Amino acid sequence: MDEKNVIDALGALAQSTRLQTFRLLVSREPEGMAAGEIAKALDVPQNTMSAHLSTLSQAGLVLAERQGRSIIYRADLDGLRAVTLFLLKDCCGGNSQICAPIIAELTPCCAPGANTKTC
């Protein structure tokens, strides 16, 4: 991941509907959602949603896969990981005590082996 890619990704997320769309898709992993479902969930016209999904896709944050007559959109978690790692690569000059709270916040409650009833 280079600086231009990170700027593109952050720029794509710097708009309310696209940020809401990305967060919705993250919450729907791994099954994803059709564009029409996303538009309905966020109360956005379908043609507008298509433009937002295109922007997110070009920024490396959303994947699209044709399933029959529908296109299913999913959050590109590898893209998100690359952006996050770019931002935190030199976190705190290697001082793990300073970085520990950030890393703890990034650890999801539903990590492998966690009790999913508490998530």
PDB file of N, CA and C in Angstrom:
ATOM      1  N   MET A   1       0.856  -1.170   0.000  1.00  0.00           N
ATOM      2  CA  MET A   1       0.000   0.000   0.000  1.00  0.00           C
ATOM      3  C   MET A   1       0.898   1.228   0.000  1.00  0.00           C
ATOM      4  N   ASP A   2       0.597   2.156  -0.885  1.00  0.00           N
ATOM      5  CA  ASP A   2       1.382   3.381  -0.916  1.00  0.00           C
ATOM      6  C   ASP A   2       0.508   4.568  -0.518  1.00  0.00           C
ATOM      7  N   GLU A   3       1.140   5.706  -0.392  1.00  0.00           N
ATOM      8  CA  GLU A   3       0.449   6.905   0.080  1.00  0.00           C
ATOM      9  C   GLU A   3      -0.745   7.275  -0.799  1.00  0.00           C
ATOM     10  N   LYS A   4      -0.617   7.160  -2.120  1.00  0.00           N
ATOM     11  CA  LYS A   4      -1.711   7.509  -3.027  1.00  0.00           C
ATOM     12  C   LYS A   4      -2.926   6.617  -2.781  1.00  0.00           C
ATOM     13  N   ASN A   5      -2.698   5.320  -2.608  1.00  0.00           N
ATOM     14  CA  ASN A   5      -3.805   4.395  -2.347  1.00  0.00           C
ATOM     15  C   ASN A   5      -4.506   4.726  -1.034  1.00  0.00           C
ATOM     16  N   VAL A   6      -3.733   5.073  -0.027  1.00  0.00           N
ATOM     17  CA  VAL A   6      -4.317   5.423   1.274  1.00  0.00           C
ATOM     18  C   VAL A   6      -5.131   6.706   1.150  1.00  0.00           C
ATOM     19  N   ILE A   7      -4.598   7.686   0.434  1.00  0.00           N
ATOM     20  CA  ILE A   7      -5.336   8.939   0.233  1.00  0.00           C
ATOM     21  C   ILE A   7      -6.636   8.672  -0.514  1.00  0.00           C
ATOM     22  N   ASP A   8      -6.602   7.823  -1.527  1.00  0.00           N
ATOM     23  CA  ASP A   8      -7.822   7.467  -2.263  1.00  0.00           C
ATOM     24  C   ASP A   8      -8.844   6.809  -1.342  1.00  0.00           C
ATOM     25  N   ALA A   9      -8.386   5.880  -0.512  1.00  0.00           N
ATOM     26  CA  ALA A   9      -9.298   5.167   0.395  1.00  0.00           C
ATOM     27  C   ALA A   9      -9.895   6.127   1.418  1.00  0.00           C
ATOM     28  N   LEU A  10      -9.057   6.944   2.027  1.00  0.00           N
ATOM     29  CA  LEU A  10      -9.567   7.885   3.021  1.00  0.00           C
ATOM     30  C   LEU A  10     -10.482   8.923   2.375  1.00  0.00           C
ATOM     31  N   GLY A  11     -10.153   9.337   1.159  1.00  0.00           N
ATOM     32  CA  GLY A  11     -11.012  10.277   0.432  1.00  0.00           C
ATOM     33  C   GLY A  11     -12.374   9.666   0.133  1.00  0.00           C
ATOM     34  N   ALA A  12     -12.387   8.390  -0.223  1.00  0.00           N
ATOM     35  CA  ALA A  12     -13.655   7.708  -0.497  1.00  0.00           C
ATOM     36  C   ALA A  12     -14.513   7.636   0.757  1.00  0.00           C
ATOM     37  N   LEU A  13     -13.885   7.465   1.899  1.00  0.00           N
ATOM     38  CA  LEU A  13     -14.624   7.365   3.154  1.00  0.00           C
ATOM     39  C   LEU A  13     -14.994   8.730   3.739  1.00  0.00           C
ATOM     40  N   ALA A  14     -14.469   9.794   3.153  1.00  0.00           N
ATOM     41  CA  ALA A  14     -14.700  11.145   3.671  1.00  0.00           C
ATOM     42  C   ALA A  14     -16.014  11.733   3.161  1.00  0.00           C
ATOM     43  N   GLN A  15     -16.986  10.894   2.951  1.00  0.00           N
ATOM     44  CA  GLN A  15     -18.318  11.325   2.519  1.00  0.00           C
ATOM     45  C   GLN A  15     -19.305  10.448   3.291  1.00  0.00           C
ATOM     46  N   SER A  16     -20.315  11.048   3.837  1.00  0.00           N
ATOM     47  CA  SER A  16     -21.208  10.376   4.783  1.00  0.00           C
ATOM     48  C   SER A  16     -21.843   9.097   4.235  1.00  0.00           C
ATOM     49  N   THR A  17     -22.422   9.144   3.049  1.00  0.00           N
ATOM     50  CA  THR A  17     -23.100   7.967   2.503  1.00  0.00           C
ATOM     51  C   THR A  17     -22.111   6.840   2.248  1.00  0.00           C
ATOM     52  N   ARG A  18     -20.935   7.176   1.745  1.00  0.00           N
ATOM     53  CA  ARG A  18     -19.942   6.126   1.486  1.00  0.00           C
ATOM     54  C   ARG A  18     -19.426   5.534   2.789  1.00  0.00           C
ATOM     55  N   LEU A  19     -19.228   6.358   3.798  1.00  0.00           N
ATOM     56  CA  LEU A  19     -18.805   5.843   5.095  1.00  0.00           C
ATOM     57  C   LEU A  19     -19.872   4.928   5.683  1.00  0.00           C
ATOM     58  N   GLN A  20     -21.135   5.339   5.620  1.00  0.00           N
ATOM     59  CA  GLN A  20     -22.242   4.498   6.105  1.00  0.00           C
ATOM     60  C   GLN A  20     -22.318   3.196   5.320  1.00  0.00           C
ATOM     61  N   THR A  21     -22.110   3.285   4.013  1.00  0.00           N
ATOM     62  CA  THR A  21     -22.150   2.096   3.154  1.00  0.00           C
ATOM     63  C   THR A  21     -21.048   1.118   3.549  1.00  0.00           C
ATOM     64  N   PHE A  22     -19.843   1.633   3.718  1.00  0.00           N
ATOM     65  CA  PHE A  22     -18.726   0.769   4.078  1.00  0.00           C
ATOM     66  C   PHE A  22     -18.969   0.109   5.428  1.00  0.00           C
ATOM     67  N   ARG A  23     -19.412   0.878   6.402  1.00  0.00           N
ATOM     68  CA  ARG A  23     -19.674   0.323   7.734  1.00  0.00           C
ATOM     69  C   ARG A  23     -20.786  -0.732   7.673  1.00  0.00           C
ATOM     70  N   LEU A  24     -21.811  -0.483   6.870  1.00  0.00           N
ATOM     71  CA  LEU A  24     -22.890  -1.467   6.706  1.00  0.00           C
ATOM     72  C   LEU A  24     -22.335  -2.752   6.106  1.00  0.00           C
ATOM     73  N   LEU A  25     -21.511  -2.624   5.077  1.00  0.00           N
ATOM     74  CA  LEU A  25     -20.945  -3.819   4.443  1.00  0.00           C
ATOM     75  C   LEU A  25     -20.019  -4.580   5.390  1.00  0.00           C
ATOM     76  N   VAL A  26     -19.272  -3.869   6.216  1.00  0.00           N
ATOM     77  CA  VAL A  26     -18.428  -4.542   7.211  1.00  0.00           C
ATOM     78  C   VAL A  26     -19.307  -5.349   8.162  1.00  0.00           C
ATOM     79  N   SER A  27     -20.444  -4.788   8.540  1.00  0.00           N
ATOM     80  CA  SER A  27     -21.337  -5.492   9.473  1.00  0.00           C
ATOM     81  C   SER A  27     -22.009  -6.696   8.821  1.00  0.00           C
ATOM     82  N   ARG A  28     -22.020  -6.743   7.507  1.00  0.00           N
ATOM     83  CA  ARG A  28     -22.665  -7.844   6.784  1.00  0.00           C
ATOM     84  C   ARG A  28     -21.682  -8.859   6.228  1.00  0.00           C
ATOM     85  N   GLU A  29     -20.455  -8.808   6.688  1.00  0.00           N
ATOM     86  CA  GLU A  29     -19.474  -9.804   6.266  1.00  0.00           C
ATOM     87  C   GLU A  29     -19.820 -11.147   6.867  1.00  0.00           C
ATOM     88  N   PRO A  30     -19.638 -12.252   6.184  1.00  0.00           N
ATOM     89  CA  PRO A  30     -19.035 -12.366   4.864  1.00  0.00           C
ATOM     90  C   PRO A  30     -20.042 -12.418   3.719  1.00  0.00           C
ATOM     91  N   GLU A  31     -21.341 -12.389   4.024  1.00  0.00           N
ATOM     92  CA  GLU A  31     -22.326 -12.595   2.954  1.00  0.00           C
ATOM     93  C   GLU A  31     -22.478 -11.418   2.004  1.00  0.00           C
ATOM     94  N   GLY A  32     -22.245 -10.178   2.456  1.00  0.00           N
ATOM     95  CA  GLY A  32     -22.387  -9.022   1.587  1.00  0.00           C
ATOM     96  C   GLY A  32     -23.842  -8.668   1.338  1.00  0.00           C
ATOM     97  N   MET A  33     -24.057  -7.720   0.444  1.00  0.00           N
ATOM     98  CA  MET A  33     -25.409  -7.244   0.143  1.00  0.00           C
ATOM     99  C   MET A  33     -25.479  -6.807  -1.315  1.00  0.00           C
ATOM    100  N   ALA A  34     -26.669  -6.911  -1.881  1.00  0.00           N
ATOM    101  CA  ALA A  34     -26.920  -6.391  -3.226  1.00  0.00           C
ATOM    102  C   ALA A  34     -27.052  -4.874  -3.151  1.00  0.00           C
ATOM    103  N   ALA A  35     -26.739  -4.200  -4.244  1.00  0.00           N
ATOM    104  CA  ALA A  35     -26.779  -2.737  -4.277  1.00  0.00           C
ATOM    105  C   ALA A  35     -28.155  -2.209  -3.894  1.00  0.00           C
ATOM    106  N   GLY A  36     -29.205  -2.843  -4.364  1.00  0.00           N
ATOM    107  CA  GLY A  36     -30.562  -2.404  -4.038  1.00  0.00           C
ATOM    108  C   GLY A  36     -30.853  -2.496  -2.550  1.00  0.00           C
ATOM    109  N   GLU A  37     -30.365  -3.548  -1.914  1.00  0.00           N
ATOM    110  CA  GLU A  37     -30.544  -3.700  -0.465  1.00  0.00           C
ATOM    111  C   GLU A  37     -29.809  -2.604   0.303  1.00  0.00           C
ATOM    112  N   ILE A  38     -28.606  -2.298  -0.164  1.00  0.00           N
ATOM    113  CA  ILE A  38     -27.817  -1.250   0.491  1.00  0.00           C
ATOM    114  C   ILE A  38     -28.535   0.088   0.346  1.00  0.00           C
ATOM    115  N   ALA A  39     -28.981   0.382  -0.869  1.00  0.00           N
ATOM    116  CA  ALA A  39     -29.680   1.646  -1.122  1.00  0.00           C
ATOM    117  C   ALA A  39     -30.924   1.763  -0.250  1.00  0.00           C
ATOM    118  N   LYS A  40     -31.664   0.683  -0.137  1.00  0.00           N
ATOM    119  CA  LYS A  40     -32.877   0.696   0.685  1.00  0.00           C
ATOM    120  C   LYS A  40     -32.534   0.880   2.164  1.00  0.00           C
ATOM    121  N   ALA A  41     -31.516   0.170   2.640  1.00  0.00           N
ATOM    122  CA  ALA A  41     -31.132   0.251   4.052  1.00  0.00           C
ATOM    123  C   ALA A  41     -30.681   1.660   4.441  1.00  0.00           C
ATOM    124  N   LEU A  42     -30.062   2.364   3.494  1.00  0.00           N
ATOM    125  CA  LEU A  42     -29.546   3.703   3.779  1.00  0.00           C
ATOM    126  C   LEU A  42     -30.451   4.808   3.225  1.00  0.00           C
ATOM    127  N   ASP A  43     -31.561   4.419   2.617  1.00  0.00           N
ATOM    128  CA  ASP A  43     -32.515   5.379   2.048  1.00  0.00           C
ATOM    129  C   ASP A  43     -31.840   6.322   1.047  1.00  0.00           C
ATOM    130  N   VAL A  44     -31.161   5.698   0.080  1.00  0.00           N
ATOM    131  CA  VAL A  44     -30.436   6.422  -0.963  1.00  0.00           C
ATOM    132  C   VAL A  44     -30.948   5.918  -2.316  1.00  0.00           C
ATOM    133  N   PRO A  45     -31.165   6.794  -3.300  1.00  0.00           N
ATOM    134  CA  PRO A  45     -31.576   6.320  -4.631  1.00  0.00           C
ATOM    135  C   PRO A  45     -30.561   5.327  -5.202  1.00  0.00           C
ATOM    136  N   GLN A  46     -31.064   4.335  -5.938  1.00  0.00           N
ATOM    137  CA  GLN A  46     -30.181   3.270  -6.434  1.00  0.00           C
ATOM    138  C   GLN A  46     -29.084   3.796  -7.345  1.00  0.00           C
ATOM    139  N   ASN A  47     -29.393   4.763  -8.207  1.00  0.00           N
ATOM    140  CA  ASN A  47     -28.346   5.270  -9.107  1.00  0.00           C
ATOM    141  C   ASN A  47     -27.254   6.010  -8.318  1.00  0.00           C
ATOM    142  N   THR A  48     -27.648   6.706  -7.266  1.00  0.00           N
ATOM    143  CA  THR A  48     -26.675   7.372  -6.401  1.00  0.00           C
ATOM    144  C   THR A  48     -25.829   6.337  -5.668  1.00  0.00           C
ATOM    145  N   MET A  49     -26.471   5.277  -5.189  1.00  0.00           N
ATOM    146  CA  MET A  49     -25.742   4.223  -4.485  1.00  0.00           C
ATOM    147  C   MET A  49     -24.738   3.562  -5.412  1.00  0.00           C
ATOM    148  N   SER A  50     -25.104   3.353  -6.661  1.00  0.00           N
ATOM    149  CA  SER A  50     -24.168   2.751  -7.619  1.00  0.00           C
ATOM    150  C   SER A  50     -22.914   3.599  -7.767  1.00  0.00           C
ATOM    151  N   ALA A  51     -23.083   4.914  -7.811  1.00  0.00           N
ATOM    152  CA  ALA A  51     -21.931   5.807  -7.924  1.00  0.00           C
ATOM    153  C   ALA A  51     -21.055   5.713  -6.671  1.00  0.00           C
ATOM    154  N   HIS A  52     -21.681   5.660  -5.502  1.00  0.00           N
ATOM    155  CA  HIS A  52     -20.912   5.537  -4.261  1.00  0.00           C
ATOM    156  C   HIS A  52     -20.173   4.209  -4.202  1.00  0.00           C
ATOM    157  N   LEU A  53     -20.819   3.134  -4.599  1.00  0.00           N
ATOM    158  CA  LEU A  53     -20.174   1.821  -4.596  1.00  0.00           C
ATOM    159  C   LEU A  53     -19.003   1.786  -5.569  1.00  0.00           C
ATOM    160  N   SER A  54     -19.145   2.458  -6.691  1.00  0.00           N
ATOM    161  CA  SER A  54     -18.055   2.536  -7.661  1.00  0.00           C
ATOM    162  C   SER A  54     -16.851   3.258  -7.063  1.00  0.00           C
ATOM    163  N   THR A  55     -17.099   4.360  -6.372  1.00  0.00           N
ATOM    164  CA  THR A  55     -16.019   5.107  -5.732  1.00  0.00           C
ATOM    165  C   THR A  55     -15.309   4.249  -4.691  1.00  0.00           C
ATOM    166  N   LEU A  56     -16.084   3.541  -3.870  1.00  0.00           N
ATOM    167  CA  LEU A  56     -15.493   2.673  -2.850  1.00  0.00           C
ATOM    168  C   LEU A  56     -14.710   1.528  -3.480  1.00  0.00           C
ATOM    169  N   SER A  57     -15.215   1.005  -4.573  1.00  0.00           N
ATOM    170  CA  SER A  57     -14.535  -0.082  -5.266  1.00  0.00           C
ATOM    171  C   SER A  57     -13.209   0.394  -5.861  1.00  0.00           C
ATOM    172  N   GLN A  58     -13.226   1.553  -6.503  1.00  0.00           N
ATOM    173  CA  GLN A  58     -12.005   2.108  -7.092  1.00  0.00           C
ATOM    174  C   GLN A  58     -10.965   2.425  -6.022  1.00  0.00           C
ATOM    175  N   ALA A  59     -11.425   2.721  -4.811  1.00  0.00           N
ATOM    176  CA  ALA A  59     -10.517   3.022  -3.706  1.00  0.00           C
ATOM    177  C   ALA A  59     -10.001   1.761  -3.017  1.00  0.00           C
ATOM    178  N   GLY A  60     -10.447   0.587  -3.470  1.00  0.00           N
ATOM    179  CA  GLY A  60      -9.970  -0.671  -2.900  1.00  0.00           C
ATOM    180  C   GLY A  60     -10.623  -1.046  -1.593  1.00  0.00           C
ATOM    181  N   LEU A  61     -11.842  -0.534  -1.349  1.00  0.00           N
ATOM    182  CA  LEU A  61     -12.525  -0.815  -0.092  1.00  0.00           C
ATOM    183  C   LEU A  61     -13.742  -1.723  -0.241  1.00  0.00           C
ATOM    184  N   VAL A  62     -14.188  -1.944  -1.477  1.00  0.00           N
ATOM    185  CA  VAL A  62     -15.380  -2.751  -1.728  1.00  0.00           C
ATOM    186  C   VAL A  62     -15.099  -3.703  -2.884  1.00  0.00           C
ATOM    187  N   LEU A  63     -15.588  -4.925  -2.742  1.00  0.00           N
ATOM    188  CA  LEU A  63     -15.502  -5.940  -3.794  1.00  0.00           C
ATOM    189  C   LEU A  63     -16.895  -6.210  -4.322  1.00  0.00           C
ATOM    190  N   ALA A  64     -16.996  -6.495  -5.615  1.00  0.00           N
ATOM    191  CA  ALA A  64     -18.281  -6.816  -6.232  1.00  0.00           C
ATOM    192  C   ALA A  64     -18.179  -8.187  -6.885  1.00  0.00           C
ATOM    193  N   GLU A  65     -19.220  -8.989  -6.688  1.00  0.00           N
ATOM    194  CA  GLU A  65     -19.243 -10.335  -7.264  1.00  0.00           C
ATOM    195  C   GLU A  65     -20.631 -10.611  -7.818  1.00  0.00           C
ATOM    196  N   ARG A  66     -20.682 -11.013  -9.080  1.00  0.00           N
ATOM    197  CA  ARG A  66     -21.973 -11.332  -9.694  1.00  0.00           C
ATOM    198  C   ARG A  66     -22.448 -12.679  -9.176  1.00  0.00           C
ATOM    199  N   GLN A  67     -23.692 -12.701  -8.713  1.00  0.00           N
ATOM    200  CA  GLN A  67     -24.348 -13.932  -8.292  1.00  0.00           C
ATOM    201  C   GLN A  67     -25.697 -13.972  -8.989  1.00  0.00           C
ATOM    202  N   GLY A  68     -25.736 -14.721 -10.085  1.00  0.00           N
ATOM    203  CA  GLY A  68     -26.962 -14.767 -10.882  1.00  0.00           C
ATOM    204  C   GLY A  68     -27.201 -13.413 -11.510  1.00  0.00           C
ATOM    205  N   ARG A  69     -28.370 -12.841 -11.254  1.00  0.00           N
ATOM    206  CA  ARG A  69     -28.718 -11.542 -11.820  1.00  0.00           C
ATOM    207  C   ARG A  69     -28.309 -10.377 -10.918  1.00  0.00           C
ATOM    208  N   SER A  70     -27.823 -10.690  -9.735  1.00  0.00           N
ATOM    209  CA  SER A  70     -27.458  -9.648  -8.777  1.00  0.00           C
ATOM    210  C   SER A  70     -25.944  -9.484  -8.687  1.00  0.00           C
ATOM    211  N   ILE A  71     -25.541  -8.311  -8.279  1.00  0.00           N
ATOM    212  CA  ILE A  71     -24.140  -8.068  -7.928  1.00  0.00           C
ATOM    213  C   ILE A  71     -24.110  -7.882  -6.420  1.00  0.00           C
ATOM    214  N   ILE A  72     -23.334  -8.723  -5.772  1.00  0.00           N
ATOM    215  CA  ILE A  72     -23.216  -8.673  -4.321  1.00  0.00           C
ATOM    216  C   ILE A  72     -21.954  -7.893  -3.970  1.00  0.00           C
ATOM    217  N   TYR A  73     -22.124  -6.919  -3.101  1.00  0.00           N
ATOM    218  CA  TYR A  73     -21.010  -6.080  -2.660  1.00  0.00           C
ATOM    219  C   TYR A  73     -20.577  -6.501  -1.269  1.00  0.00           C
ATOM    220  N   ARG A  74     -19.269  -6.514  -1.074  1.00  0.00           N
ATOM    221  CA  ARG A  74     -18.691  -6.871   0.219  1.00  0.00           C
ATOM    222  C   ARG A  74     -17.597  -5.879   0.556  1.00  0.00           C
ATOM    223  N   ALA A  75     -17.383  -5.670   1.828  1.00  0.00           N
ATOM    224  CA  ALA A  75     -16.264  -4.846   2.273  1.00  0.00           C
ATOM    225  C   ALA A  75     -14.978  -5.596   1.945  1.00  0.00           C
ATOM    226  N   ASP A  76     -14.011  -4.888   1.396  1.00  0.00           N
ATOM    227  CA  ASP A  76     -12.705  -5.490   1.138  1.00  0.00           C
ATOM    228  C   ASP A  76     -11.868  -5.324   2.401  1.00  0.00           C
ATOM    229  N   LEU A  77     -11.936  -6.319   3.260  1.00  0.00           N
ATOM    230  CA  LEU A  77     -11.248  -6.231   4.551  1.00  0.00           C
ATOM    231  C   LEU A  77      -9.735  -6.239   4.392  1.00  0.00           C
ATOM    232  N   ASP A  78      -9.241  -6.838   3.308  1.00  0.00           N
ATOM    233  CA  ASP A  78      -7.796  -6.771   3.045  1.00  0.00           C
ATOM    234  C   ASP A  78      -7.392  -5.332   2.724  1.00  0.00           C
ATOM    235  N   GLY A  79      -8.230  -4.629   1.972  1.00  0.00           N
ATOM    236  CA  GLY A  79      -7.965  -3.222   1.677  1.00  0.00           C
ATOM    237  C   GLY A  79      -7.985  -2.378   2.938  1.00  0.00           C
ATOM    238  N   LEU A  80      -8.966  -2.624   3.799  1.00  0.00           N
ATOM    239  CA  LEU A  80      -9.044  -1.900   5.070  1.00  0.00           C
ATOM    240  C   LEU A  80      -7.817  -2.194   5.929  1.00  0.00           C
ATOM    241  N   ARG A  81      -7.412  -3.450   5.971  1.00  0.00           N
ATOM    242  CA  ARG A  81      -6.230  -3.824   6.750  1.00  0.00           C
ATOM    243  C   ARG A  81      -4.989  -3.108   6.227  1.00  0.00           C
ATOM    244  N   ALA A  82      -4.850  -3.032   4.906  1.00  0.00           N
ATOM    245  CA  ALA A  82      -3.684  -2.372   4.320  1.00  0.00           C
ATOM    246  C   ALA A  82      -3.653  -0.887   4.678  1.00  0.00           C
ATOM    247  N   VAL A  83      -4.800  -0.224   4.632  1.00  0.00           N
ATOM    248  CA  VAL A  83      -4.868   1.195   5.008  1.00  0.00           C
ATOM    249  C   VAL A  83      -4.516   1.364   6.482  1.00  0.00           C
ATOM    250  N   THR A  84      -5.101   0.532   7.323  1.00  0.00           N
ATOM    251  CA  THR A  84      -4.850   0.620   8.764  1.00  0.00           C
ATOM    252  C   THR A  84      -3.378   0.373   9.079  1.00  0.00           C
ATOM    253  N   LEU A  85      -2.798  -0.640   8.451  1.00  0.00           N
ATOM    254  CA  LEU A  85      -1.382  -0.934   8.691  1.00  0.00           C
ATOM    255  C   LEU A  85      -0.484   0.201   8.204  1.00  0.00           C
ATOM    256  N   PHE A  86      -0.844   0.809   7.078  1.00  0.00           N
ATOM    257  CA  PHE A  86      -0.075   1.953   6.582  1.00  0.00           C
ATOM    258  C   PHE A  86      -0.087   3.082   7.613  1.00  0.00           C
ATOM    259  N   LEU A  87      -1.258   3.341   8.186  1.00  0.00           N
ATOM    260  CA  LEU A  87      -1.393   4.428   9.152  1.00  0.00           C
ATOM    261  C   LEU A  87      -0.665   4.131  10.465  1.00  0.00           C
ATOM    262  N   LEU A  88      -0.622   2.860  10.847  1.00  0.00           N
ATOM    263  CA  LEU A  88      -0.060   2.492  12.154  1.00  0.00           C
ATOM    264  C   LEU A  88       1.318   1.847  12.074  1.00  0.00           C
ATOM    265  N   LYS A  89       1.867   1.753  10.886  1.00  0.00           N
ATOM    266  CA  LYS A  89       3.125   1.023  10.673  1.00  0.00           C
ATOM    267  C   LYS A  89       4.224   1.458  11.642  1.00  0.00           C
ATOM    268  N   ASP A  90       4.387   2.732  11.833  1.00  0.00           N
ATOM    269  CA  ASP A  90       5.457   3.226  12.697  1.00  0.00           C
ATOM    270  C   ASP A  90       4.886   3.776  13.998  1.00  0.00           C
ATOM    271  N   CYS A  91       3.800   3.172  14.443  1.00  0.00           N
ATOM    272  CA  CYS A  91       3.077   3.648  15.623  1.00  0.00           C
ATOM    273  C   CYS A  91       3.988   3.814  16.827  1.00  0.00           C
ATOM    274  N   CYS A  92       4.002   4.997  17.347  1.00  0.00           N
ATOM    275  CA  CYS A  92       4.618   5.286  18.642  1.00  0.00           C
ATOM    276  C   CYS A  92       6.103   4.946  18.693  1.00  0.00           C
ATOM    277  N   GLY A  93       6.765   4.961  17.568  1.00  0.00           N
ATOM    278  CA  GLY A  93       8.194   4.690  17.542  1.00  0.00           C
ATOM    279  C   GLY A  93       8.566   3.317  18.075  1.00  0.00           C
ATOM    280  N   GLY A  94       7.651   2.370  17.953  1.00  0.00           N
ATOM    281  CA  GLY A  94       7.920   1.017  18.420  1.00  0.00           C
ATOM    282  C   GLY A  94       7.670   0.801  19.896  1.00  0.00           C
ATOM    283  N   ASN A  95       7.167   1.789  20.587  1.00  0.00           N
ATOM    284  CA  ASN A  95       6.883   1.668  22.019  1.00  0.00           C
ATOM    285  C   ASN A  95       5.527   0.968  22.185  1.00  0.00           C
ATOM    286  N   SER A  96       5.559  -0.303  22.490  1.00  0.00           N
ATOM    287  CA  SER A  96       4.344  -1.113  22.543  1.00  0.00           C
ATOM    288  C   SER A  96       3.368  -0.661  23.624  1.00  0.00           C
ATOM    289  N   GLN A  97       3.863  -0.049  24.687  1.00  0.00           N
ATOM    290  CA  GLN A  97       2.958   0.414  25.742  1.00  0.00           C
ATOM    291  C   GLN A  97       2.054   1.536  25.256  1.00  0.00           C
ATOM    292  N   ILE A  98       2.572   2.387  24.393  1.00  0.00           N
ATOM    293  CA  ILE A  98       1.764   3.480  23.849  1.00  0.00           C
ATOM    294  C   ILE A  98       0.763   2.940  22.833  1.00  0.00           C
ATOM    295  N   CYS A  99       1.172   1.960  22.048  1.00  0.00           N
ATOM    296  CA  CYS A  99       0.320   1.402  20.994  1.00  0.00           C
ATOM    297  C   CYS A  99      -0.722   0.418  21.523  1.00  0.00           C
ATOM    298  N   ALA A 100      -0.522  -0.146  22.682  1.00  0.00           N
ATOM    299  CA  ALA A 100      -1.411  -1.189  23.205  1.00  0.00           C
ATOM    300  C   ALA A 100      -2.884  -0.785  23.227  1.00  0.00           C
ATOM    301  N   PRO A 101      -3.245   0.419  23.661  1.00  0.00           N
ATOM    302  CA  PRO A 101      -4.669   0.778  23.667  1.00  0.00           C
ATOM    303  C   PRO A 101      -5.276   0.828  22.253  1.00  0.00           C
ATOM    304  N   ILE A 102      -4.494   1.276  21.288  1.00  0.00           N
ATOM    305  CA  ILE A 102      -4.985   1.312  19.902  1.00  0.00           C
ATOM    306  C   ILE A 102      -5.241  -0.107  19.414  1.00  0.00           C
ATOM    307  N   ILE A 103      -4.288  -0.976  19.648  1.00  0.00           N
ATOM    308  CA  ILE A 103      -4.420  -2.367  19.207  1.00  0.00           C
ATOM    309  C   ILE A 103      -5.584  -3.047  19.913  1.00  0.00           C
ATOM    310  N   ALA A 104      -5.756  -2.776  21.193  1.00  0.00           N
ATOM    311  CA  ALA A 104      -6.883  -3.364  21.935  1.00  0.00           C
ATOM    312  C   ALA A 104      -8.219  -2.914  21.346  1.00  0.00           C
ATOM    313  N   GLU A 105      -8.321  -1.664  20.949  1.00  0.00           N
ATOM    314  CA  GLU A 105      -9.564  -1.152  20.356  1.00  0.00           C
ATOM    315  C   GLU A 105      -9.825  -1.778  18.988  1.00  0.00           C
ATOM    316  N   LEU A 106      -8.771  -2.155  18.295  1.00  0.00           N
ATOM    317  CA  LEU A 106      -8.923  -2.767  16.978  1.00  0.00           C
ATOM    318  C   LEU A 106      -9.278  -4.246  17.054  1.00  0.00           C
ATOM    319  N   THR A 107      -9.126  -4.845  18.216  1.00  0.00           N
ATOM    320  CA  THR A 107      -9.439  -6.256  18.388  1.00  0.00           C
ATOM    321  C   THR A 107     -10.954  -6.399  18.542  1.00  0.00           C
ATOM    322  N   PRO A 108     -11.603  -7.064  17.599  1.00  0.00           N
ATOM    323  CA  PRO A 108     -13.062  -7.177  17.671  1.00  0.00           C
ATOM    324  C   PRO A 108     -13.499  -8.091  18.816  1.00  0.00           C
ATOM    325  N   CYS A 109     -14.689  -7.825  19.304  1.00  0.00           N
ATOM    326  CA  CYS A 109     -15.217  -8.661  20.382  1.00  0.00           C
ATOM    327  C   CYS A 109     -15.503 -10.073  19.877  1.00  0.00           C
ATOM    328  N   CYS A 110     -15.652 -10.225  18.614  1.00  0.00           N
ATOM    329  CA  CYS A 110     -15.970 -11.536  18.048  1.00  0.00           C
ATOM    330  C   CYS A 110     -14.742 -12.157  17.387  1.00  0.00           C
ATOM    331  N   ALA A 111     -13.622 -12.026  18.024  1.00  0.00           N
ATOM    332  CA  ALA A 111     -12.392 -12.636  17.516  1.00  0.00           C
ATOM    333  C   ALA A 111     -12.569 -14.157  17.527  1.00  0.00           C
ATOM    334  N   PRO A 112     -11.797 -14.862  16.701  1.00  0.00           N
ATOM    335  CA  PRO A 112     -11.899 -16.322  16.696  1.00  0.00           C
ATOM    336  C   PRO A 112     -11.780 -16.879  18.111  1.00  0.00           C
ATOM    337  N   GLY A 113     -12.718 -17.717  18.469  1.00  0.00           N
ATOM    338  CA  GLY A 113     -12.714 -18.335  19.784  1.00  0.00           C
ATOM    339  C   GLY A 113     -13.465 -17.545  20.836  1.00  0.00           C
ATOM    340  N   ALA A 114     -13.902 -16.327  20.504  1.00  0.00           N
ATOM    341  CA  ALA A 114     -14.637 -15.513  21.484  1.00  0.00           C
ATOM    342  C   ALA A 114     -16.060 -16.022  21.623  1.00  0.00           C
ATOM    343  N   ASN A 115     -16.681 -15.709  22.731  1.00  0.00           N
ATOM    344  CA  ASN A 115     -18.077 -16.073  22.948  1.00  0.00           C
ATOM    345  C   ASN A 115     -18.956 -15.127  22.155  1.00  0.00           C
ATOM    346  N   THR A 116     -19.539 -15.608  21.052  1.00  0.00           N
ATOM    347  CA  THR A 116     -20.309 -14.748  20.164  1.00  0.00           C
ATOM    348  C   THR A 116     -21.606 -14.249  20.793  1.00  0.00           C
ATOM    349  N   LYS A 117     -22.037 -14.842  21.898  1.00  0.00           N
ATOM    350  CA  LYS A 117     -23.248 -14.381  22.568  1.00  0.00           C
ATOM    351  C   LYS A 117     -23.031 -13.042  23.261  1.00  0.00           C
ATOM    352  N   THR A 118     -21.772 -12.695  23.527  1.00  0.00           N
ATOM    353  CA  THR A 118     -21.487 -11.423  24.200  1.00  0.00           C
ATOM    354  C   THR A 118     -21.137 -10.328  23.205  1.00  0.00           C
ATOM    355  N   CYS A 119     -21.097 -10.624  21.936  1.00  0.00           N
ATOM    356  CA  CYS A 119     -20.722  -9.621  20.928  1.00  0.00           C
ATOM    357  C   CYS A 119     -21.892  -8.754  20.534  1.00  0.00           C
TER     358      CYS A 119
END
